[in-house]
C-alpha atoms as a PDB file:
ATOM      1  CA  UNK A   1     -56.731  54.093 -71.951  1.00  0.00           C
ATOM      2  CA  UNK A   2     -59.687  51.907 -72.996  1.00  0.00           C
ATOM      3  CA  UNK A   3     -58.206  51.653 -76.515  1.00  0.00           C
ATOM      4  CA  UNK A   4     -54.794  50.876 -75.118  1.00  0.00           C
ATOM      5  CA  UNK A   5     -56.179  48.086 -72.903  1.00  0.00           C
ATOM      6  CA  UNK A   6     -58.293  46.693 -75.755  1.00  0.00           C
ATOM      7  CA  UNK A   7     -55.268  46.508 -78.052  1.00  0.00           C
ATOM      8  CA  UNK A   8     -53.219  44.747 -75.332  1.00  0.00           C
ATOM      9  CA  UNK A   9     -56.041  42.253 -74.778  1.00  0.00           C
ATOM     10  CA  UNK A  10     -56.132  41.690 -78.516  1.00  0.00           C
ATOM     11  CA  UNK A  11     -52.428  40.678 -78.409  1.00  0.00           C
ATOM     12  CA  UNK A  12     -53.282  38.208 -75.661  1.00  0.00           C
ATOM     13  CA  UNK A  13     -56.066  36.629 -77.734  1.00  0.00           C
ATOM     14  CA  UNK A  14     -55.428  32.926 -78.400  1.00  0.00           C
ATOM     15  CA  UNK A  15     -57.092  33.306 -81.838  1.00  0.00           C
ATOM     16  CA  UNK A  16     -54.115  35.266 -83.134  1.00  0.00           C
ATOM     17  CA  UNK A  17     -52.115  33.008 -85.524  1.00  0.00           C
ATOM     18  CA  UNK A  18     -48.791  33.328 -83.785  1.00  0.00           C
ATOM     19  CA  UNK A  19     -48.056  29.663 -83.299  1.00  0.00           C
ATOM     20  CA  UNK A  20     -47.662  30.037 -79.551  1.00  0.00           C
ATOM     21  CA  UNK A  21     -49.720  26.908 -78.793  1.00  0.00           C
ATOM     22  CA  UNK A  22     -48.048  24.780 -81.489  1.00  0.00           C
ATOM     23  CA  UNK A  23     -45.343  23.472 -79.236  1.00  0.00           C
ATOM     24  CA  UNK A  24     -46.082  22.083 -75.840  1.00  0.00           C
ATOM     25  CA  UNK A  25     -42.683  23.009 -74.267  1.00  0.00           C
ATOM     26  CA  UNK A  26     -42.220  19.429 -73.162  1.00  0.00           C
ATOM     27  CA  UNK A  27     -45.661  18.968 -71.586  1.00  0.00           C
ATOM     28  CA  UNK A  28     -46.612  16.188 -73.989  1.00  0.00           C
ATOM     29  CA  UNK A  29     -43.357  14.247 -73.492  1.00  0.00           C
ATOM     30  CA  UNK A  30     -43.568  14.881 -69.700  1.00  0.00           C
ATOM     31  CA  UNK A  31     -47.007  13.294 -69.750  1.00  0.00           C
ATOM     32  CA  UNK A  32     -45.845  10.426 -72.035  1.00  0.00           C
ATOM     33  CA  UNK A  33     -42.778   9.532 -69.960  1.00  0.00           C
ATOM     34  CA  UNK A  34     -44.535   9.778 -66.588  1.00  0.00           C
ATOM     35  CA  UNK A  35     -43.294  13.115 -65.265  1.00  0.00           C
ATOM     36  CA  UNK A  36     -46.929  14.272 -65.078  1.00  0.00           C
ATOM     37  CA  UNK A  37     -49.212  11.552 -63.628  1.00  0.00           C
ATOM     38  CA  UNK A  38     -52.109  13.437 -62.070  1.00  0.00           C
ATOM     39  CA  UNK A  39     -53.597  16.856 -61.344  1.00  0.00           C
ATOM     40  CA  UNK A  40     -51.032  17.605 -58.614  1.00  0.00           C
ATOM     41  CA  UNK A  41     -48.233  16.682 -60.997  1.00  0.00           C
ATOM     42  CA  UNK A  42     -49.628  19.086 -63.597  1.00  0.00           C
ATOM     43  CA  UNK A  43     -49.755  21.907 -61.055  1.00  0.00           C
ATOM     44  CA  UNK A  44     -46.156  21.209 -60.053  1.00  0.00           C
ATOM     45  CA  UNK A  45     -45.126  21.134 -63.725  1.00  0.00           C
ATOM     46  CA  UNK A  46     -46.822  24.478 -64.400  1.00  0.00           C
ATOM     47  CA  UNK A  47     -45.235  26.110 -61.351  1.00  0.00           C
ATOM     48  CA  UNK A  48     -41.750  24.880 -62.354  1.00  0.00           C
ATOM     49  CA  UNK A  49     -42.398  26.047 -65.889  1.00  0.00           C
ATOM     50  CA  UNK A  50     -43.353  29.541 -64.743  1.00  0.00           C
ATOM     51  CA  UNK A  51     -40.395  29.695 -62.401  1.00  0.00           C
ATOM     52  CA  UNK A  52     -38.092  28.974 -65.323  1.00  0.00           C
ATOM     53  CA  UNK A  53     -39.799  31.687 -67.382  1.00  0.00           C
ATOM     54  CA  UNK A  54     -39.084  34.096 -64.498  1.00  0.00           C
ATOM     55  CA  UNK A  55     -35.462  33.005 -64.022  1.00  0.00           C
ATOM     56  CA  UNK A  56     -34.594  32.851 -67.750  1.00  0.00           C
ATOM     57  CA  UNK A  57     -36.869  34.782 -70.096  1.00  0.00           C
ATOM     58  CA  UNK A  58     -38.006  37.686 -67.954  1.00  0.00           C
ATOM     59  CA  UNK A  59     -34.493  39.120 -67.231  1.00  0.00           C
ATOM     60  CA  UNK A  60     -33.825  39.116 -70.984  1.00  0.00           C
ATOM     61  CA  UNK A  61     -37.191  40.759 -71.672  1.00  0.00           C
ATOM     62  CA  UNK A  62     -36.296  43.552 -69.216  1.00  0.00           C
ATOM     63  CA  UNK A  63     -32.819  43.967 -70.685  1.00  0.00           C
ATOM     64  CA  UNK A  64     -34.052  44.120 -74.279  1.00  0.00           C
ATOM     65  CA  UNK A  65     -36.834  46.522 -73.295  1.00  0.00           C
ATOM     66  CA  UNK A  66     -34.355  48.877 -71.525  1.00  0.00           C
ATOM     67  CA  UNK A  67     -31.637  48.890 -74.216  1.00  0.00           C
ATOM     68  CA  UNK A  68     -31.684  51.914 -76.502  1.00  0.00           C
ATOM     69  CA  UNK A  69     -31.832  51.202 -80.210  1.00  0.00           C
ATOM     70  CA  UNK A  70     -29.877  52.126 -82.265  1.00  0.00           C
ATOM     71  CA  UNK A  71     -27.613  54.096 -79.858  1.00  0.00           C
ATOM     72  CA  UNK A  72     -27.103  51.050 -77.620  1.00  0.00           C
ATOM     73  CA  UNK A  73     -26.565  48.565 -80.435  1.00  0.00           C
ATOM     74  CA  UNK A  74     -23.522  46.838 -78.868  1.00  0.00           C
ATOM     75  CA  UNK A  75     -25.367  46.212 -75.605  1.00  0.00           C
ATOM     76  CA  UNK A  76     -28.437  44.871 -77.406  1.00  0.00           C
ATOM     77  CA  UNK A  77     -26.292  42.604 -79.580  1.00  0.00           C
ATOM     78  CA  UNK A  78     -24.637  41.159 -76.469  1.00  0.00           C
ATOM     79  CA  UNK A  79     -27.978  40.562 -74.823  1.00  0.00           C
ATOM     80  CA  UNK A  80     -29.458  38.796 -77.849  1.00  0.00           C
ATOM     81  CA  UNK A  81     -26.346  36.648 -78.303  1.00  0.00           C
ATOM     82  CA  UNK A  82     -26.466  35.633 -74.621  1.00  0.00           C
ATOM     83  CA  UNK A  83     -30.118  34.700 -74.978  1.00  0.00           C
ATOM     84  CA  UNK A  84     -29.389  32.665 -78.099  1.00  0.00           C
ATOM     85  CA  UNK A  85     -26.680  30.734 -76.191  1.00  0.00           C
ATOM     86  CA  UNK A  86     -29.192  29.922 -73.446  1.00  0.00           C
ATOM     87  CA  UNK A  87     -31.606  28.162 -75.796  1.00  0.00           C
ATOM     88  CA  UNK A  88     -29.960  24.748 -75.574  1.00  0.00           C
ATOM     89  CA  UNK A  89     -32.883  22.689 -76.812  1.00  0.00           C
ATOM     90  CA  UNK A  90     -33.051  22.652 -80.663  1.00  0.00           C
ATOM     91  CA  UNK A  91     -36.808  22.541 -80.772  1.00  0.00           C
ATOM     92  CA  UNK A  92     -37.116  25.575 -78.504  1.00  0.00           C
ATOM     93  CA  UNK A  93     -34.543  27.435 -80.605  1.00  0.00           C
ATOM     94  CA  UNK A  94     -36.482  26.793 -83.768  1.00  0.00           C
ATOM     95  CA  UNK A  95     -39.844  27.633 -82.122  1.00  0.00           C
ATOM     96  CA  UNK A  96     -38.475  30.984 -80.887  1.00  0.00           C
ATOM     97  CA  UNK A  97     -37.348  31.993 -84.357  1.00  0.00           C
ATOM     98  CA  UNK A  98     -40.623  30.905 -85.988  1.00  0.00           C
ATOM     99  CA  UNK A  99     -42.764  32.649 -83.355  1.00  0.00           C
ATOM    100  CA  UNK A 100     -40.901  35.934 -83.640  1.00  0.00           C
ATOM    101  CA  UNK A 101     -41.523  36.087 -87.381  1.00  0.00           C
ATOM    102  CA  UNK A 102     -45.247  35.498 -86.885  1.00  0.00           C
ATOM    103  CA  UNK A 103     -45.496  38.171 -84.211  1.00  0.00           C
ATOM    104  CA  UNK A 104     -43.461  40.705 -86.169  1.00  0.00           C
ATOM    105  CA  UNK A 105     -45.593  40.144 -89.259  1.00  0.00           C
ATOM    106  CA  UNK A 106     -48.834  40.554 -87.302  1.00  0.00           C
ATOM    107  CA  UNK A 107     -47.702  43.642 -85.370  1.00  0.00           C
ATOM    108  CA  UNK A 108     -46.363  45.264 -88.513  1.00  0.00           C
ATOM    109  CA  UNK A 109     -49.772  44.718 -90.071  1.00  0.00           C
ATOM    110  CA  UNK A 110     -51.674  46.090 -87.025  1.00  0.00           C
ATOM    111  CA  UNK A 111     -49.387  49.113 -86.614  1.00  0.00           C
ATOM    112  CA  UNK A 112     -48.019  49.990 -90.080  1.00  0.00           C
ATOM    113  CA  UNK A 113     -47.004  53.476 -88.905  1.00  0.00           C
ATOM    114  CA  UNK A 114     -44.759  52.138 -86.121  1.00  0.00           C
ATOM    115  CA  UNK A 115     -41.825  51.100 -88.286  1.00  0.00           C
ATOM    116  CA  UNK A 116     -41.755  47.607 -86.816  1.00  0.00           C
ATOM    117  CA  UNK A 117     -41.223  46.096 -90.295  1.00  0.00           C
ATOM    118  CA  UNK A 118     -37.641  47.425 -90.123  1.00  0.00           C
ATOM    119  CA  UNK A 119     -36.814  45.420 -87.010  1.00  0.00           C
ATOM    120  CA  UNK A 120     -36.070  42.219 -88.943  1.00  0.00           C
ATOM    121  CA  UNK A 121     -33.644  44.099 -91.249  1.00  0.00           C
ATOM    122  CA  UNK A 122     -31.932  45.727 -88.253  1.00  0.00           C
ATOM    123  CA  UNK A 123     -31.359  42.366 -86.569  1.00  0.00           C
ATOM    124  CA  UNK A 124     -30.106  40.911 -89.857  1.00  0.00           C
ATOM    125  CA  UNK A 125     -27.682  43.820 -90.342  1.00  0.00           C
ATOM    126  CA  UNK A 126     -26.181  42.964 -86.938  1.00  0.00           C
ATOM    127  CA  UNK A 127     -26.171  39.244 -87.749  1.00  0.00           C
ATOM    128  CA  UNK A 128     -28.493  38.601 -84.768  1.00  0.00           C
ATOM    129  CA  UNK A 129     -30.959  35.743 -84.478  1.00  0.00           C
ATOM    130  CA  UNK A 130     -34.522  37.068 -84.516  1.00  0.00           C
ATOM    131  CA  UNK A 131     -35.761  35.433 -81.304  1.00  0.00           C
ATOM    132  CA  UNK A 132     -39.221  35.891 -79.845  1.00  0.00           C
ATOM    133  CA  UNK A 133     -38.182  37.371 -76.488  1.00  0.00           C
ATOM    134  CA  UNK A 134     -36.115  40.310 -77.852  1.00  0.00           C
ATOM    135  CA  UNK A 135     -38.586  40.929 -80.662  1.00  0.00           C
ATOM    136  CA  UNK A 136     -41.581  41.121 -78.336  1.00  0.00           C
ATOM    137  CA  UNK A 137     -39.707  43.392 -75.943  1.00  0.00           C
ATOM    138  CA  UNK A 138     -38.656  45.764 -78.701  1.00  0.00           C
ATOM    139  CA  UNK A 139     -42.070  45.799 -80.321  1.00  0.00           C
ATOM    140  CA  UNK A 140     -44.008  46.561 -77.154  1.00  0.00           C
ATOM    141  CA  UNK A 141     -41.600  49.297 -76.180  1.00  0.00           C
ATOM    142  CA  UNK A 142     -41.988  50.858 -79.637  1.00  0.00           C
ATOM    143  CA  UNK A 143     -45.749  50.629 -79.309  1.00  0.00           C
ATOM    144  CA  UNK A 144     -45.634  52.594 -76.054  1.00  0.00           C
ATOM    145  CA  UNK A 145     -46.376  49.822 -73.522  1.00  0.00           C
ATOM    146  CA  UNK A 146     -44.574  49.616 -70.182  1.00  0.00           C
ATOM    147  CA  UNK A 147     -42.087  46.950 -69.032  1.00  0.00           C
ATOM    148  CA  UNK A 148     -44.615  45.773 -66.451  1.00  0.00           C
ATOM    149  CA  UNK A 149     -47.264  45.308 -69.174  1.00  0.00           C
ATOM    150  CA  UNK A 150     -44.709  43.405 -71.246  1.00  0.00           C
ATOM    151  CA  UNK A 151     -43.940  41.042 -68.371  1.00  0.00           C
ATOM    152  CA  UNK A 152     -47.619  40.433 -67.618  1.00  0.00           C
ATOM    153  CA  UNK A 153     -48.489  39.792 -71.250  1.00  0.00           C
ATOM    154  CA  UNK A 154     -45.614  37.393 -71.702  1.00  0.00           C
ATOM    155  CA  UNK A 155     -46.339  35.404 -68.549  1.00  0.00           C
ATOM    156  CA  UNK A 156     -49.998  35.213 -69.564  1.00  0.00           C
ATOM    157  CA  UNK A 157     -49.093  33.928 -73.019  1.00  0.00           C
ATOM    158  CA  UNK A 158     -46.830  31.266 -71.637  1.00  0.00           C
ATOM    159  CA  UNK A 159     -49.379  30.077 -69.060  1.00  0.00           C
ATOM    160  CA  UNK A 160     -52.246  30.160 -71.542  1.00  0.00           C
ATOM    161  CA  UNK A 161     -50.374  28.083 -74.099  1.00  0.00           C
ATOM    162  CA  UNK A 162     -49.511  25.461 -71.470  1.00  0.00           C
ATOM    163  CA  UNK A 163     -53.109  25.205 -70.275  1.00  0.00           C
ATOM    164  CA  UNK A 164     -54.250  24.901 -73.884  1.00  0.00           C
ATOM    165  CA  UNK A 165     -51.707  22.107 -74.499  1.00  0.00           C
ATOM    166  CA  UNK A 166     -52.835  20.325 -71.328  1.00  0.00           C
ATOM    167  CA  UNK A 167     -56.507  20.456 -72.410  1.00  0.00           C
ATOM    168  CA  UNK A 168     -55.675  19.233 -75.954  1.00  0.00           C
ATOM    169  CA  UNK A 169     -53.539  16.429 -74.436  1.00  0.00           C
ATOM    170  CA  UNK A 170     -56.450  15.290 -72.276  1.00  0.00           C
ATOM    171  CA  UNK A 171     -54.721  16.068 -68.959  1.00  0.00           C
ATOM    172  CA  UNK A 172     -57.860  17.975 -67.865  1.00  0.00           C
ATOM    173  CA  UNK A 173     -61.108  19.297 -69.242  1.00  0.00           C
ATOM    174  CA  UNK A 174     -61.710  22.830 -70.580  1.00  0.00           C
ATOM    175  CA  UNK A 175     -63.555  24.133 -67.480  1.00  0.00           C
ATOM    176  CA  UNK A 176     -60.996  22.618 -65.132  1.00  0.00           C
ATOM    177  CA  UNK A 177     -58.182  23.989 -67.282  1.00  0.00           C
ATOM    178  CA  UNK A 178     -59.451  27.547 -67.214  1.00  0.00           C
ATOM    179  CA  UNK A 179     -60.132  27.331 -63.498  1.00  0.00           C
ATOM    180  CA  UNK A 180     -56.493  26.262 -63.055  1.00  0.00           C
ATOM    181  CA  UNK A 181     -55.339  29.125 -65.248  1.00  0.00           C
ATOM    182  CA  UNK A 182     -57.324  31.538 -63.085  1.00  0.00           C
ATOM    183  CA  UNK A 183     -55.787  30.077 -59.948  1.00  0.00           C
ATOM    184  CA  UNK A 184     -52.231  30.663 -61.278  1.00  0.00           C
ATOM    185  CA  UNK A 185     -53.014  34.368 -61.927  1.00  0.00           C
ATOM    186  CA  UNK A 186     -52.902  34.794 -58.176  1.00  0.00           C
ATOM    187  CA  UNK A 187     -49.176  34.027 -58.313  1.00  0.00           C
ATOM    188  CA  UNK A 188     -48.292  36.606 -60.914  1.00  0.00           C
ATOM    189  CA  UNK A 189     -47.580  39.479 -58.504  1.00  0.00           C
ATOM    190  CA  UNK A 190     -45.314  37.239 -56.466  1.00  0.00           C
ATOM    191  CA  UNK A 191     -43.539  35.788 -59.500  1.00  0.00           C
ATOM    192  CA  UNK A 192     -42.967  39.183 -61.131  1.00  0.00           C
ATOM    193  CA  UNK A 193     -41.793  41.004 -58.016  1.00  0.00           C
ATOM    194  CA  UNK A 194     -38.565  42.796 -58.904  1.00  0.00           C
ATOM    195  CA  UNK A 195     -38.720  41.595 -62.527  1.00  0.00           C
ATOM    196  CA  UNK A 196     -37.996  45.028 -64.053  1.00  0.00           C
ATOM    197  CA  UNK A 197     -34.580  45.168 -62.346  1.00  0.00           C
ATOM    198  CA  UNK A 198     -33.629  41.507 -62.960  1.00  0.00           C
ATOM    199  CA  UNK A 199     -30.152  41.203 -64.456  1.00  0.00           C
ATOM    200  CA  UNK A 200     -29.939  39.009 -67.550  1.00  0.00           C
ATOM    201  CA  UNK A 201     -26.371  38.139 -66.690  1.00  0.00           C
ATOM    202  CA  UNK A 202     -27.677  36.079 -63.769  1.00  0.00           C
ATOM    203  CA  UNK A 203     -30.449  34.388 -65.806  1.00  0.00           C
ATOM    204  CA  UNK A 204     -30.554  30.664 -65.253  1.00  0.00           C
ATOM    205  CA  UNK A 205     -32.358  27.537 -66.501  1.00  0.00           C
ATOM    206  CA  UNK A 206     -33.973  26.359 -63.277  1.00  0.00           C
ATOM    207  CA  UNK A 207     -35.907  23.278 -64.410  1.00  0.00           C
ATOM    208  CA  UNK A 208     -33.533  20.589 -65.729  1.00  0.00           C
ATOM    209  CA  UNK A 209     -36.253  17.933 -65.937  1.00  0.00           C
ATOM    210  CA  UNK A 210     -38.303  20.151 -68.203  1.00  0.00           C
ATOM    211  CA  UNK A 211     -35.235  20.632 -70.435  1.00  0.00           C
ATOM    212  CA  UNK A 212     -34.861  16.892 -70.634  1.00  0.00           C
ATOM    213  CA  UNK A 213     -38.501  16.454 -71.484  1.00  0.00           C
ATOM    214  CA  UNK A 214     -38.195  19.036 -74.257  1.00  0.00           C
ATOM    215  CA  UNK A 215     -35.330  17.116 -75.784  1.00  0.00           C
ATOM    216  CA  UNK A 216     -37.346  13.857 -75.602  1.00  0.00           C
ATOM    217  CA  UNK A 217     -40.317  15.595 -77.293  1.00  0.00           C
ATOM    218  CA  UNK A 218     -38.872  14.700 -80.704  1.00  0.00           C
ATOM    219  CA  UNK A 219     -39.026  11.002 -79.779  1.00  0.00           C
ATOM    220  CA  UNK A 220     -42.689  10.952 -78.751  1.00  0.00           C
ATOM    221  CA  UNK A 221     -44.472   8.544 -81.112  1.00  0.00           C
ATOM    222  CA  UNK A 222     -47.611  10.644 -81.592  1.00  0.00           C
ATOM    223  CA  UNK A 223     -46.944  14.340 -81.221  1.00  0.00           C
ATOM    224  CA  UNK A 224     -49.971  16.625 -81.004  1.00  0.00           C
ATOM    225  CA  UNK A 225     -47.842  19.768 -80.893  1.00  0.00           C
ATOM    226  CA  UNK A 226     -45.244  20.447 -83.477  1.00  0.00           C
ATOM    227  CA  UNK A 227     -43.905  23.483 -85.330  1.00  0.00           C
END
């Protein structure tokens, strides 16, 4: 168990070159165009962001984790195609594909005996886009982690990257940022309640303003976060 926990903590390490912090998910453009004006606005932004993660990404994480491969190939293909159709913002679409390649390369290096290096070929054989959410779900299942651990790791990664972006953008200082991140951990149990049984067919994009900000990200004059 200590080794298992240590390896999971390693995957959550911000020093891993996965590119997770390279795109601010609209935080920079939200700040630039006045959607985030103060500390309260940043908290509201982060809560809306996490709610969209729960309503959109987490049901797909659960579905991809539960699907059997290769016996349930048709079901997994449908899930991945549905997820691809939900990524309406071009920058997010590109970021998802880039991040999945980074993660798959790293995990294949860390666990050469796991056969994860074949995952890319299997997706290609089915003509499926290699998105980050299904890749992370399949990898963690193959490495023996639980669906609950997958959800917790994913939510942590998403929150951590946003806090990192906010600090780099000058929205708050490092100490204040990490205090805010610690505060949001108190919401994880509430946010993830019932996540393992969430149905991807009812997944929704719940934060339209964030989607608009993500689209405007390409028009920000000085972008700190790019792929």
